[in-house]
Amino acid sequence: FHYFCRVRFSERHLKTEFVSKMELELHQFITSHS
């Protein structure tokens, strides 16, 4: 079941990035959504 879920929720069209330093773009995004 877990293997099936890993396949089901592998949304390849979405890009995920680990953020080490929050640049101006993220500051603006967070500000506009809070």
PDB file of all heavy atoms in Angstrom:
ATOM      1  N   PHE A   1       0.834  -1.208   0.000  1.00  0.00           N
ATOM      2  CA  PHE A   1       0.000   0.000   0.000  1.00  0.00           C
ATOM      3  C   PHE A   1       0.868   1.257   0.000  1.00  0.00           C
ATOM      4  O   PHE A   1       0.589   2.223  -0.724  1.00  0.00           O
ATOM      5  CB  PHE A   1      -0.914  -0.016   1.229  1.00  0.00           C
ATOM      6  CG  PHE A   1      -1.687   1.261   1.429  1.00  0.00           C
ATOM      7  CD1 PHE A   1      -2.719   1.616   0.572  1.00  0.00           C
ATOM      8  CD2 PHE A   1      -1.379   2.117   2.488  1.00  0.00           C
ATOM      9  CE1 PHE A   1      -3.436   2.795   0.752  1.00  0.00           C
ATOM     10  CE2 PHE A   1      -2.090   3.295   2.678  1.00  0.00           C
ATOM     11  CZ  PHE A   1      -3.112   3.633   1.804  1.00  0.00           C
ATOM     12  N   HIS A   2       1.949   1.246   0.773  1.00  0.00           N
ATOM     13  CA  HIS A   2       2.835   2.411   0.816  1.00  0.00           C
ATOM     14  C   HIS A   2       3.539   2.608  -0.528  1.00  0.00           C
ATOM     15  O   HIS A   2       3.731   3.756  -0.969  1.00  0.00           O
ATOM     16  CB  HIS A   2       3.867   2.253   1.936  1.00  0.00           C
ATOM     17  CG  HIS A   2       3.302   2.493   3.302  1.00  0.00           C
ATOM     18  ND1 HIS A   2       2.751   3.696   3.686  1.00  0.00           N
ATOM     19  CD2 HIS A   2       3.197   1.682   4.383  1.00  0.00           C
ATOM     20  CE1 HIS A   2       2.342   3.617   4.935  1.00  0.00           C
ATOM     21  NE2 HIS A   2       2.591   2.401   5.379  1.00  0.00           N
ATOM     22  N   TYR A   3       3.919   1.524  -1.152  1.00  0.00           N
ATOM     23  CA  TYR A   3       4.553   1.640  -2.474  1.00  0.00           C
ATOM     24  C   TYR A   3       3.564   2.240  -3.469  1.00  0.00           C
ATOM     25  O   TYR A   3       3.912   3.127  -4.267  1.00  0.00           O
ATOM     26  CB  TYR A   3       5.031   0.275  -2.965  1.00  0.00           C
ATOM     27  CG  TYR A   3       5.624   0.328  -4.358  1.00  0.00           C
ATOM     28  CD1 TYR A   3       6.908   0.810  -4.571  1.00  0.00           C
ATOM     29  CD2 TYR A   3       4.880  -0.095  -5.467  1.00  0.00           C
ATOM     30  CE1 TYR A   3       7.452   0.874  -5.844  1.00  0.00           C
ATOM     31  CE2 TYR A   3       5.405  -0.027  -6.749  1.00  0.00           C
ATOM     32  CZ  TYR A   3       6.689   0.463  -6.927  1.00  0.00           C
ATOM     33  OH  TYR A   3       7.210   0.532  -8.198  1.00  0.00           O
ATOM     34  N   PHE A   4       2.315   1.792  -3.421  1.00  0.00           N
ATOM     35  CA  PHE A   4       1.273   2.325  -4.295  1.00  0.00           C
ATOM     36  C   PHE A   4       1.091   3.823  -4.046  1.00  0.00           C
ATOM     37  O   PHE A   4       0.938   4.613  -4.989  1.00  0.00           O
ATOM     38  CB  PHE A   4      -0.034   1.575  -4.043  1.00  0.00           C
ATOM     39  CG  PHE A   4      -1.235   2.212  -4.688  1.00  0.00           C
ATOM     40  CD1 PHE A   4      -1.457   2.118  -6.055  1.00  0.00           C
ATOM     41  CD2 PHE A   4      -2.156   2.911  -3.914  1.00  0.00           C
ATOM     42  CE1 PHE A   4      -2.561   2.720  -6.641  1.00  0.00           C
ATOM     43  CE2 PHE A   4      -3.262   3.514  -4.491  1.00  0.00           C
ATOM     44  CZ  PHE A   4      -3.466   3.417  -5.860  1.00  0.00           C
ATOM     45  N   CYS A   5       1.110   4.227  -2.788  1.00  0.00           N
ATOM     46  CA  CYS A   5       0.933   5.648  -2.456  1.00  0.00           C
ATOM     47  C   CYS A   5       2.098   6.485  -2.954  1.00  0.00           C
ATOM     48  O   CYS A   5       1.909   7.627  -3.415  1.00  0.00           O
ATOM     49  CB  CYS A   5       0.778   5.821  -0.948  1.00  0.00           C
ATOM     50  SG  CYS A   5      -0.805   5.208  -0.302  1.00  0.00           S
ATOM     51  N   ARG A   6       3.301   5.951  -2.885  1.00  0.00           N
ATOM     52  CA  ARG A   6       4.457   6.695  -3.390  1.00  0.00           C
ATOM     53  C   ARG A   6       4.297   6.992  -4.878  1.00  0.00           C
ATOM     54  O   ARG A   6       4.653   8.076  -5.356  1.00  0.00           O
ATOM     55  CB  ARG A   6       5.743   5.899  -3.152  1.00  0.00           C
ATOM     56  CG  ARG A   6       6.248   5.945  -1.719  1.00  0.00           C
ATOM     57  CD  ARG A   6       7.455   5.029  -1.552  1.00  0.00           C
ATOM     58  NE  ARG A   6       7.940   5.065  -0.184  1.00  0.00           N
ATOM     59  CZ  ARG A   6       9.017   5.735   0.220  1.00  0.00           C
ATOM     60  NH1 ARG A   6       9.710   6.445  -0.649  1.00  0.00           N
ATOM     61  NH2 ARG A   6       9.406   5.700   1.478  1.00  0.00           N
ATOM     62  N   VAL A   7       3.762   6.026  -5.599  1.00  0.00           N
ATOM     63  CA  VAL A   7       3.536   6.227  -7.038  1.00  0.00           C
ATOM     64  C   VAL A   7       2.378   7.201  -7.253  1.00  0.00           C
ATOM     65  O   VAL A   7       2.470   8.121  -8.076  1.00  0.00           O
ATOM     66  CB  VAL A   7       3.246   4.879  -7.730  1.00  0.00           C
ATOM     67  CG1 VAL A   7       2.876   5.096  -9.199  1.00  0.00           C
ATOM     68  CG2 VAL A   7       4.447   3.950  -7.611  1.00  0.00           C
ATOM     69  N   ARG A   8       1.294   7.039  -6.505  1.00  0.00           N
ATOM     70  CA  ARG A   8       0.101   7.877  -6.680  1.00  0.00           C
ATOM     71  C   ARG A   8       0.408   9.348  -6.432  1.00  0.00           C
ATOM     72  O   ARG A   8      -0.083  10.223  -7.157  1.00  0.00           O
ATOM     73  CB  ARG A   8      -1.002   7.407  -5.724  1.00  0.00           C
ATOM     74  CG  ARG A   8      -2.146   8.405  -5.604  1.00  0.00           C
ATOM     75  CD  ARG A   8      -3.176   7.969  -4.571  1.00  0.00           C
ATOM     76  NE  ARG A   8      -4.165   7.061  -5.155  1.00  0.00           N
ATOM     77  CZ  ARG A   8      -5.242   6.630  -4.498  1.00  0.00           C
ATOM     78  NH1 ARG A   8      -5.440   7.000  -3.235  1.00  0.00           N
ATOM     79  NH2 ARG A   8      -6.095   5.818  -5.087  1.00  0.00           N
ATOM     80  N   PHE A   9       1.230   9.642  -5.431  1.00  0.00           N
ATOM     81  CA  PHE A   9       1.455  11.032  -5.052  1.00  0.00           C
ATOM     82  C   PHE A   9       2.776  11.597  -5.580  1.00  0.00           C
ATOM     83  O   PHE A   9       3.261  12.604  -5.083  1.00  0.00           O
ATOM     84  CB  PHE A   9       1.391  11.176  -3.530  1.00  0.00           C
ATOM     85  CG  PHE A   9       0.037  10.845  -2.965  1.00  0.00           C
ATOM     86  CD1 PHE A   9      -0.160   9.699  -2.219  1.00  0.00           C
ATOM     87  CD2 PHE A   9      -1.052  11.668  -3.223  1.00  0.00           C
ATOM     88  CE1 PHE A   9      -1.409   9.383  -1.706  1.00  0.00           C
ATOM     89  CE2 PHE A   9      -2.310  11.363  -2.720  1.00  0.00           C
ATOM     90  CZ  PHE A   9      -2.486  10.208  -1.965  1.00  0.00           C
ATOM     91  N   SER A  10       3.327  10.950  -6.583  1.00  0.00           N
ATOM     92  CA  SER A  10       4.549  11.476  -7.209  1.00  0.00           C
ATOM     93  C   SER A  10       4.171  12.437  -8.332  1.00  0.00           C
ATOM     94  O   SER A  10       4.121  12.060  -9.495  1.00  0.00           O
ATOM     95  CB  SER A  10       5.411  10.331  -7.759  1.00  0.00           C
ATOM     96  OG  SER A  10       4.679   9.575  -8.712  1.00  0.00           O
ATOM     97  N   GLU A  11       3.877  13.675  -7.955  1.00  0.00           N
ATOM     98  CA  GLU A  11       3.487  14.715  -8.910  1.00  0.00           C
ATOM     99  C   GLU A  11       4.735  15.275  -9.587  1.00  0.00           C
ATOM    100  O   GLU A  11       5.391  16.185  -9.093  1.00  0.00           O
ATOM    101  CB  GLU A  11       2.712  15.825  -8.175  1.00  0.00           C
ATOM    102  CG  GLU A  11       1.330  15.413  -7.730  1.00  0.00           C
ATOM    103  CD  GLU A  11       0.356  15.292  -8.894  1.00  0.00           C
ATOM    104  OE1 GLU A  11       0.664  15.825  -9.972  1.00  0.00           O
ATOM    105  OE2 GLU A  11      -0.691  14.660  -8.706  1.00  0.00           O
ATOM    106  N   ARG A  12       5.048  14.752 -10.774  1.00  0.00           N
ATOM    107  CA  ARG A  12       6.309  15.107 -11.439  1.00  0.00           C
ATOM    108  C   ARG A  12       6.277  16.492 -12.079  1.00  0.00           C
ATOM    109  O   ARG A  12       7.317  17.052 -12.394  1.00  0.00           O
ATOM    110  CB  ARG A  12       6.660  14.053 -12.488  1.00  0.00           C
ATOM    111  CG  ARG A  12       6.964  12.691 -11.867  1.00  0.00           C
ATOM    112  CD  ARG A  12       7.291  11.656 -12.924  1.00  0.00           C
ATOM    113  NE  ARG A  12       7.640  10.380 -12.324  1.00  0.00           N
ATOM    114  CZ  ARG A  12       6.771   9.461 -11.952  1.00  0.00           C
ATOM    115  NH1 ARG A  12       5.478   9.689 -12.111  1.00  0.00           N
ATOM    116  NH2 ARG A  12       7.169   8.334 -11.410  1.00  0.00           N
ATOM    117  N   HIS A  13       5.083  17.049 -12.303  1.00  0.00           N
ATOM    118  CA  HIS A  13       5.034  18.368 -12.931  1.00  0.00           C
ATOM    119  C   HIS A  13       5.279  19.494 -11.928  1.00  0.00           C
ATOM    120  O   HIS A  13       5.436  20.658 -12.307  1.00  0.00           O
ATOM    121  CB  HIS A  13       3.675  18.585 -13.614  1.00  0.00           C
ATOM    122  CG  HIS A  13       2.531  18.769 -12.673  1.00  0.00           C
ATOM    123  ND1 HIS A  13       1.969  17.731 -11.960  1.00  0.00           N
ATOM    124  CD2 HIS A  13       1.864  19.896 -12.285  1.00  0.00           C
ATOM    125  CE1 HIS A  13       0.992  18.199 -11.212  1.00  0.00           C
ATOM    126  NE2 HIS A  13       0.906  19.506 -11.378  1.00  0.00           N
ATOM    127  N   LEU A  14       5.312  19.140 -10.634  1.00  0.00           N
ATOM    128  CA  LEU A  14       5.616  20.126  -9.606  1.00  0.00           C
ATOM    129  C   LEU A  14       7.097  20.049  -9.229  1.00  0.00           C
ATOM    130  O   LEU A  14       7.652  18.967  -9.077  1.00  0.00           O
ATOM    131  CB  LEU A  14       4.771  19.880  -8.350  1.00  0.00           C
ATOM    132  CG  LEU A  14       3.258  20.092  -8.488  1.00  0.00           C
ATOM    133  CD1 LEU A  14       2.554  19.672  -7.209  1.00  0.00           C
ATOM    134  CD2 LEU A  14       2.932  21.541  -8.819  1.00  0.00           C
ATOM    135  N   LYS A  15       7.709  21.195  -9.080  1.00  0.00           N
ATOM    136  CA  LYS A  15       9.120  21.264  -8.709  1.00  0.00           C
ATOM    137  C   LYS A  15       9.230  21.685  -7.251  1.00  0.00           C
ATOM    138  O   LYS A  15       8.597  22.649  -6.828  1.00  0.00           O
ATOM    139  CB  LYS A  15       9.845  22.273  -9.604  1.00  0.00           C
ATOM    140  CG  LYS A  15      11.322  22.441  -9.281  1.00  0.00           C
ATOM    141  CD  LYS A  15      11.948  23.509 -10.169  1.00  0.00           C
ATOM    142  CE  LYS A  15      13.415  23.717  -9.817  1.00  0.00           C
ATOM    143  NZ  LYS A  15      14.027  24.796 -10.642  1.00  0.00           N
ATOM    144  N   THR A  16      10.006  20.954  -6.478  1.00  0.00           N
ATOM    145  CA  THR A  16      10.219  21.305  -5.073  1.00  0.00           C
ATOM    146  C   THR A  16      11.694  21.631  -4.853  1.00  0.00           C
ATOM    147  O   THR A  16      12.576  20.905  -5.328  1.00  0.00           O
ATOM    148  CB  THR A  16       9.804  20.151  -4.136  1.00  0.00           C
ATOM    149  OG1 THR A  16      10.562  18.981  -4.449  1.00  0.00           O
ATOM    150  CG2 THR A  16       8.330  19.848  -4.290  1.00  0.00           C
ATOM    151  N   GLU A  17      11.937  22.712  -4.144  1.00  0.00           N
ATOM    152  CA  GLU A  17      13.300  23.146  -3.856  1.00  0.00           C
ATOM    153  C   GLU A  17      13.458  23.384  -2.363  1.00  0.00           C
ATOM    154  O   GLU A  17      12.621  24.046  -1.745  1.00  0.00           O
ATOM    155  CB  GLU A  17      13.620  24.449  -4.593  1.00  0.00           C
ATOM    156  CG  GLU A  17      13.483  24.389  -6.100  1.00  0.00           C
ATOM    157  CD  GLU A  17      13.637  25.767  -6.717  1.00  0.00           C
ATOM    158  OE1 GLU A  17      14.771  26.302  -6.724  1.00  0.00           O
ATOM    159  OE2 GLU A  17      12.623  26.324  -7.185  1.00  0.00           O
ATOM    160  N   PHE A  18      14.534  22.849  -1.795  1.00  0.00           N
ATOM    161  CA  PHE A  18      14.860  23.136  -0.405  1.00  0.00           C
ATOM    162  C   PHE A  18      15.422  24.553  -0.332  1.00  0.00           C
ATOM    163  O   PHE A  18      16.324  24.901  -1.094  1.00  0.00           O
ATOM    164  CB  PHE A  18      15.875  22.136   0.143  1.00  0.00           C
ATOM    165  CG  PHE A  18      15.304  20.770   0.383  1.00  0.00           C
ATOM    166  CD1 PHE A  18      15.277  19.828  -0.642  1.00  0.00           C
ATOM    167  CD2 PHE A  18      14.787  20.428   1.622  1.00  0.00           C
ATOM    168  CE1 PHE A  18      14.742  18.569  -0.430  1.00  0.00           C
ATOM    169  CE2 PHE A  18      14.249  19.171   1.842  1.00  0.00           C
ATOM    170  CZ  PHE A  18      14.228  18.236   0.814  1.00  0.00           C
ATOM    171  N   VAL A  19      14.882  25.345   0.563  1.00  0.00           N
ATOM    172  CA  VAL A  19      15.265  26.750   0.666  1.00  0.00           C
ATOM    173  C   VAL A  19      16.257  26.918   1.814  1.00  0.00           C
ATOM    174  O   VAL A  19      15.917  26.684   2.979  1.00  0.00           O
ATOM    175  CB  VAL A  19      14.032  27.649   0.900  1.00  0.00           C
ATOM    176  CG1 VAL A  19      14.463  29.103   1.052  1.00  0.00           C
ATOM    177  CG2 VAL A  19      13.046  27.489  -0.251  1.00  0.00           C
ATOM    178  N   SER A  20      17.476  27.312   1.494  1.00  0.00           N
ATOM    179  CA  SER A  20      18.487  27.566   2.525  1.00  0.00           C
ATOM    180  C   SER A  20      18.528  29.032   2.913  1.00  0.00           C
ATOM    181  O   SER A  20      18.791  29.375   4.060  1.00  0.00           O
ATOM    182  CB  SER A  20      19.875  27.113   2.038  1.00  0.00           C
ATOM    183  OG  SER A  20      20.210  27.767   0.824  1.00  0.00           O
ATOM    184  N   LYS A  21      18.259  29.901   1.946  1.00  0.00           N
ATOM    185  CA  LYS A  21      18.195  31.336   2.216  1.00  0.00           C
ATOM    186  C   LYS A  21      16.983  31.906   1.495  1.00  0.00           C
ATOM    187  O   LYS A  21      16.794  31.661   0.309  1.00  0.00           O
ATOM    188  CB  LYS A  21      19.470  32.040   1.746  1.00  0.00           C
ATOM    189  CG  LYS A  21      19.497  33.521   2.108  1.00  0.00           C
ATOM    190  CD  LYS A  21      20.841  34.127   1.829  1.00  0.00           C
ATOM    191  CE  LYS A  21      20.868  35.626   2.154  1.00  0.00           C
ATOM    192  NZ  LYS A  21      20.532  35.904   3.553  1.00  0.00           N
ATOM    193  N   MET A  22      16.168  32.656   2.208  1.00  0.00           N
ATOM    194  CA  MET A  22      14.917  33.154   1.658  1.00  0.00           C
ATOM    195  C   MET A  22      15.122  34.497   0.967  1.00  0.00           C
ATOM    196  O   MET A  22      15.383  35.509   1.621  1.00  0.00           O
ATOM    197  CB  MET A  22      13.863  33.256   2.764  1.00  0.00           C
ATOM    198  CG  MET A  22      13.591  31.911   3.411  1.00  0.00           C
ATOM    199  SD  MET A  22      12.246  31.941   4.591  1.00  0.00           S
ATOM    200  CE  MET A  22      12.513  30.356   5.400  1.00  0.00           C
ATOM    201  N   GLU A  23      15.039  34.476  -0.354  1.00  0.00           N
ATOM    202  CA  GLU A  23      15.271  35.673  -1.148  1.00  0.00           C
ATOM    203  C   GLU A  23      14.021  36.552  -1.183  1.00  0.00           C
ATOM    204  O   GLU A  23      12.978  36.222  -0.630  1.00  0.00           O
ATOM    205  CB  GLU A  23      15.698  35.268  -2.573  1.00  0.00           C
ATOM    206  CG  GLU A  23      16.906  34.346  -2.624  1.00  0.00           C
ATOM    207  CD  GLU A  23      18.188  35.019  -2.154  1.00  0.00           C
ATOM    208  OE1 GLU A  23      18.187  36.265  -2.012  1.00  0.00           O
ATOM    209  OE2 GLU A  23      19.191  34.315  -1.928  1.00  0.00           O
ATOM    210  N   LEU A  24      14.158  37.686  -1.896  1.00  0.00           N
ATOM    211  CA  LEU A  24      13.087  38.677  -1.978  1.00  0.00           C
ATOM    212  C   LEU A  24      11.798  38.072  -2.514  1.00  0.00           C
ATOM    213  O   LEU A  24      10.705  38.393  -2.034  1.00  0.00           O
ATOM    214  CB  LEU A  24      13.528  39.849  -2.862  1.00  0.00           C
ATOM    215  CG  LEU A  24      12.483  40.963  -3.071  1.00  0.00           C
ATOM    216  CD1 LEU A  24      12.106  41.606  -1.743  1.00  0.00           C
ATOM    217  CD2 LEU A  24      13.032  42.004  -4.048  1.00  0.00           C
ATOM    218  N   GLU A  25      11.895  37.172  -3.506  1.00  0.00           N
ATOM    219  CA  GLU A  25      10.688  36.583  -4.095  1.00  0.00           C
ATOM    220  C   GLU A  25       9.863  35.851  -3.048  1.00  0.00           C
ATOM    221  O   GLU A  25       8.634  35.983  -2.992  1.00  0.00           O
ATOM    222  CB  GLU A  25      11.069  35.607  -5.213  1.00  0.00           C
ATOM    223  CG  GLU A  25       9.868  34.924  -5.850  1.00  0.00           C
ATOM    224  CD  GLU A  25      10.210  33.600  -6.512  1.00  0.00           C
ATOM    225  OE1 GLU A  25      11.404  33.282  -6.636  1.00  0.00           O
ATOM    226  OE2 GLU A  25       9.265  32.877  -6.877  1.00  0.00           O
ATOM    227  N   LEU A  26      10.541  35.066  -2.182  1.00  0.00           N
ATOM    228  CA  LEU A  26       9.817  34.331  -1.146  1.00  0.00           C
ATOM    229  C   LEU A  26       9.261  35.282  -0.096  1.00  0.00           C
ATOM    230  O   LEU A  26       8.163  35.055   0.426  1.00  0.00           O
ATOM    231  CB  LEU A  26      10.732  33.298  -0.485  1.00  0.00           C
ATOM    232  CG  LEU A  26      11.093  32.070  -1.308  1.00  0.00           C
ATOM    233  CD1 LEU A  26      11.790  31.042  -0.438  1.00  0.00           C
ATOM    234  CD2 LEU A  26       9.876  31.456  -1.957  1.00  0.00           C
ATOM    235  N   HIS A  27       9.999  36.323   0.207  1.00  0.00           N
ATOM    236  CA  HIS A  27       9.492  37.329   1.149  1.00  0.00           C
ATOM    237  C   HIS A  27       8.186  37.922   0.639  1.00  0.00           C
ATOM    238  O   HIS A  27       7.204  38.032   1.383  1.00  0.00           O
ATOM    239  CB  HIS A  27      10.531  38.431   1.338  1.00  0.00           C
ATOM    240  CG  HIS A  27      10.010  39.617   2.099  1.00  0.00           C
ATOM    241  ND1 HIS A  27       9.800  39.596   3.465  1.00  0.00           N
ATOM    242  CD2 HIS A  27       9.628  40.853   1.670  1.00  0.00           C
ATOM    243  CE1 HIS A  27       9.314  40.767   3.847  1.00  0.00           C
ATOM    244  NE2 HIS A  27       9.201  41.550   2.785  1.00  0.00           N
ATOM    245  N   GLN A  28       8.144  38.275  -0.632  1.00  0.00           N
ATOM    246  CA  GLN A  28       6.940  38.855  -1.223  1.00  0.00           C
ATOM    247  C   GLN A  28       5.810  37.838  -1.266  1.00  0.00           C
ATOM    248  O   GLN A  28       4.644  38.184  -1.005  1.00  0.00           O
ATOM    249  CB  GLN A  28       7.257  39.383  -2.629  1.00  0.00           C
ATOM    250  CG  GLN A  28       8.216  40.557  -2.629  1.00  0.00           C
ATOM    251  CD  GLN A  28       8.658  40.966  -4.025  1.00  0.00           C
ATOM    252  OE1 GLN A  28       8.629  40.166  -4.967  1.00  0.00           O
ATOM    253  NE2 GLN A  28       9.079  42.219  -4.162  1.00  0.00           N
ATOM    254  N   PHE A  29       6.133  36.583  -1.598  1.00  0.00           N
ATOM    255  CA  PHE A  29       5.107  35.542  -1.671  1.00  0.00           C
ATOM    256  C   PHE A  29       4.481  35.311  -0.298  1.00  0.00           C
ATOM    257  O   PHE A  29       3.252  35.252  -0.156  1.00  0.00           O
ATOM    258  CB  PHE A  29       5.714  34.240  -2.203  1.00  0.00           C
ATOM    259  CG  PHE A  29       4.699  33.155  -2.447  1.00  0.00           C
ATOM    260  CD1 PHE A  29       4.042  33.050  -3.658  1.00  0.00           C
ATOM    261  CD2 PHE A  29       4.398  32.230  -1.450  1.00  0.00           C
ATOM    262  CE1 PHE A  29       3.096  32.051  -3.884  1.00  0.00           C
ATOM    263  CE2 PHE A  29       3.461  31.232  -1.653  1.00  0.00           C
ATOM    264  CZ  PHE A  29       2.815  31.143  -2.882  1.00  0.00           C
ATOM    265  N   ILE A  30       5.313  35.173   0.733  1.00  0.00           N
ATOM    266  CA  ILE A  30       4.810  34.930   2.089  1.00  0.00           C
ATOM    267  C   ILE A  30       4.003  36.119   2.586  1.00  0.00           C
ATOM    268  O   ILE A  30       2.929  35.960   3.179  1.00  0.00           O
ATOM    269  CB  ILE A  30       5.986  34.617   3.040  1.00  0.00           C
ATOM    270  CG1 ILE A  30       6.556  33.231   2.698  1.00  0.00           C
ATOM    271  CG2 ILE A  30       5.540  34.670   4.503  1.00  0.00           C
ATOM    272  CD1 ILE A  30       7.839  32.902   3.430  1.00  0.00           C
ATOM    273  N   THR A  31       4.488  37.336   2.324  1.00  0.00           N
ATOM    274  CA  THR A  31       3.777  38.536   2.751  1.00  0.00           C
ATOM    275  C   THR A  31       2.394  38.629   2.112  1.00  0.00           C
ATOM    276  O   THR A  31       1.403  38.972   2.774  1.00  0.00           O
ATOM    277  CB  THR A  31       4.589  39.800   2.406  1.00  0.00           C
ATOM    278  OG1 THR A  31       5.846  39.738   3.084  1.00  0.00           O
ATOM    279  CG2 THR A  31       3.833  41.060   2.825  1.00  0.00           C
ATOM    280  N   SER A  32       2.308  38.285   0.831  1.00  0.00           N
ATOM    281  CA  SER A  32       1.028  38.392   0.122  1.00  0.00           C
ATOM    282  C   SER A  32       0.046  37.294   0.500  1.00  0.00           C
ATOM    283  O   SER A  32      -1.144  37.406   0.206  1.00  0.00           O
ATOM    284  CB  SER A  32       1.270  38.363  -1.396  1.00  0.00           C
ATOM    285  OG  SER A  32       1.795  37.109  -1.799  1.00  0.00           O
ATOM    286  N   HIS A  33       0.525  36.231   1.152  1.00  0.00           N
ATOM    287  CA  HIS A  33      -0.350  35.119   1.520  1.00  0.00           C
ATOM    288  C   HIS A  33      -0.511  34.984   3.042  1.00  0.00           C
ATOM    289  O   HIS A  33      -0.836  33.904   3.543  1.00  0.00           O
ATOM    290  CB  HIS A  33       0.183  33.807   0.944  1.00  0.00           C
ATOM    291  CG  HIS A  33       0.082  33.715  -0.542  1.00  0.00           C
ATOM    292  ND1 HIS A  33       1.008  34.292  -1.388  1.00  0.00           N
ATOM    293  CD2 HIS A  33      -0.855  33.135  -1.342  1.00  0.00           C
ATOM    294  CE1 HIS A  33       0.664  34.057  -2.647  1.00  0.00           C
ATOM    295  NE2 HIS A  33      -0.457  33.361  -2.646  1.00  0.00           N
ATOM    296  N   SER A  34      -0.311  36.084   3.766  1.00  0.00           N
ATOM    297  CA  SER A  34      -0.443  36.028   5.230  1.00  0.00           C
ATOM    298  C   SER A  34      -1.207  37.231   5.780  1.00  0.00           C
ATOM    299  O   SER A  34      -1.085  37.559   6.958  1.00  0.00           O
ATOM    300  CB  SER A  34       0.949  35.970   5.874  1.00  0.00           C
ATOM    301  OG  SER A  34       1.726  37.102   5.518  1.00  0.00           O
TER     302      SER A  34
END
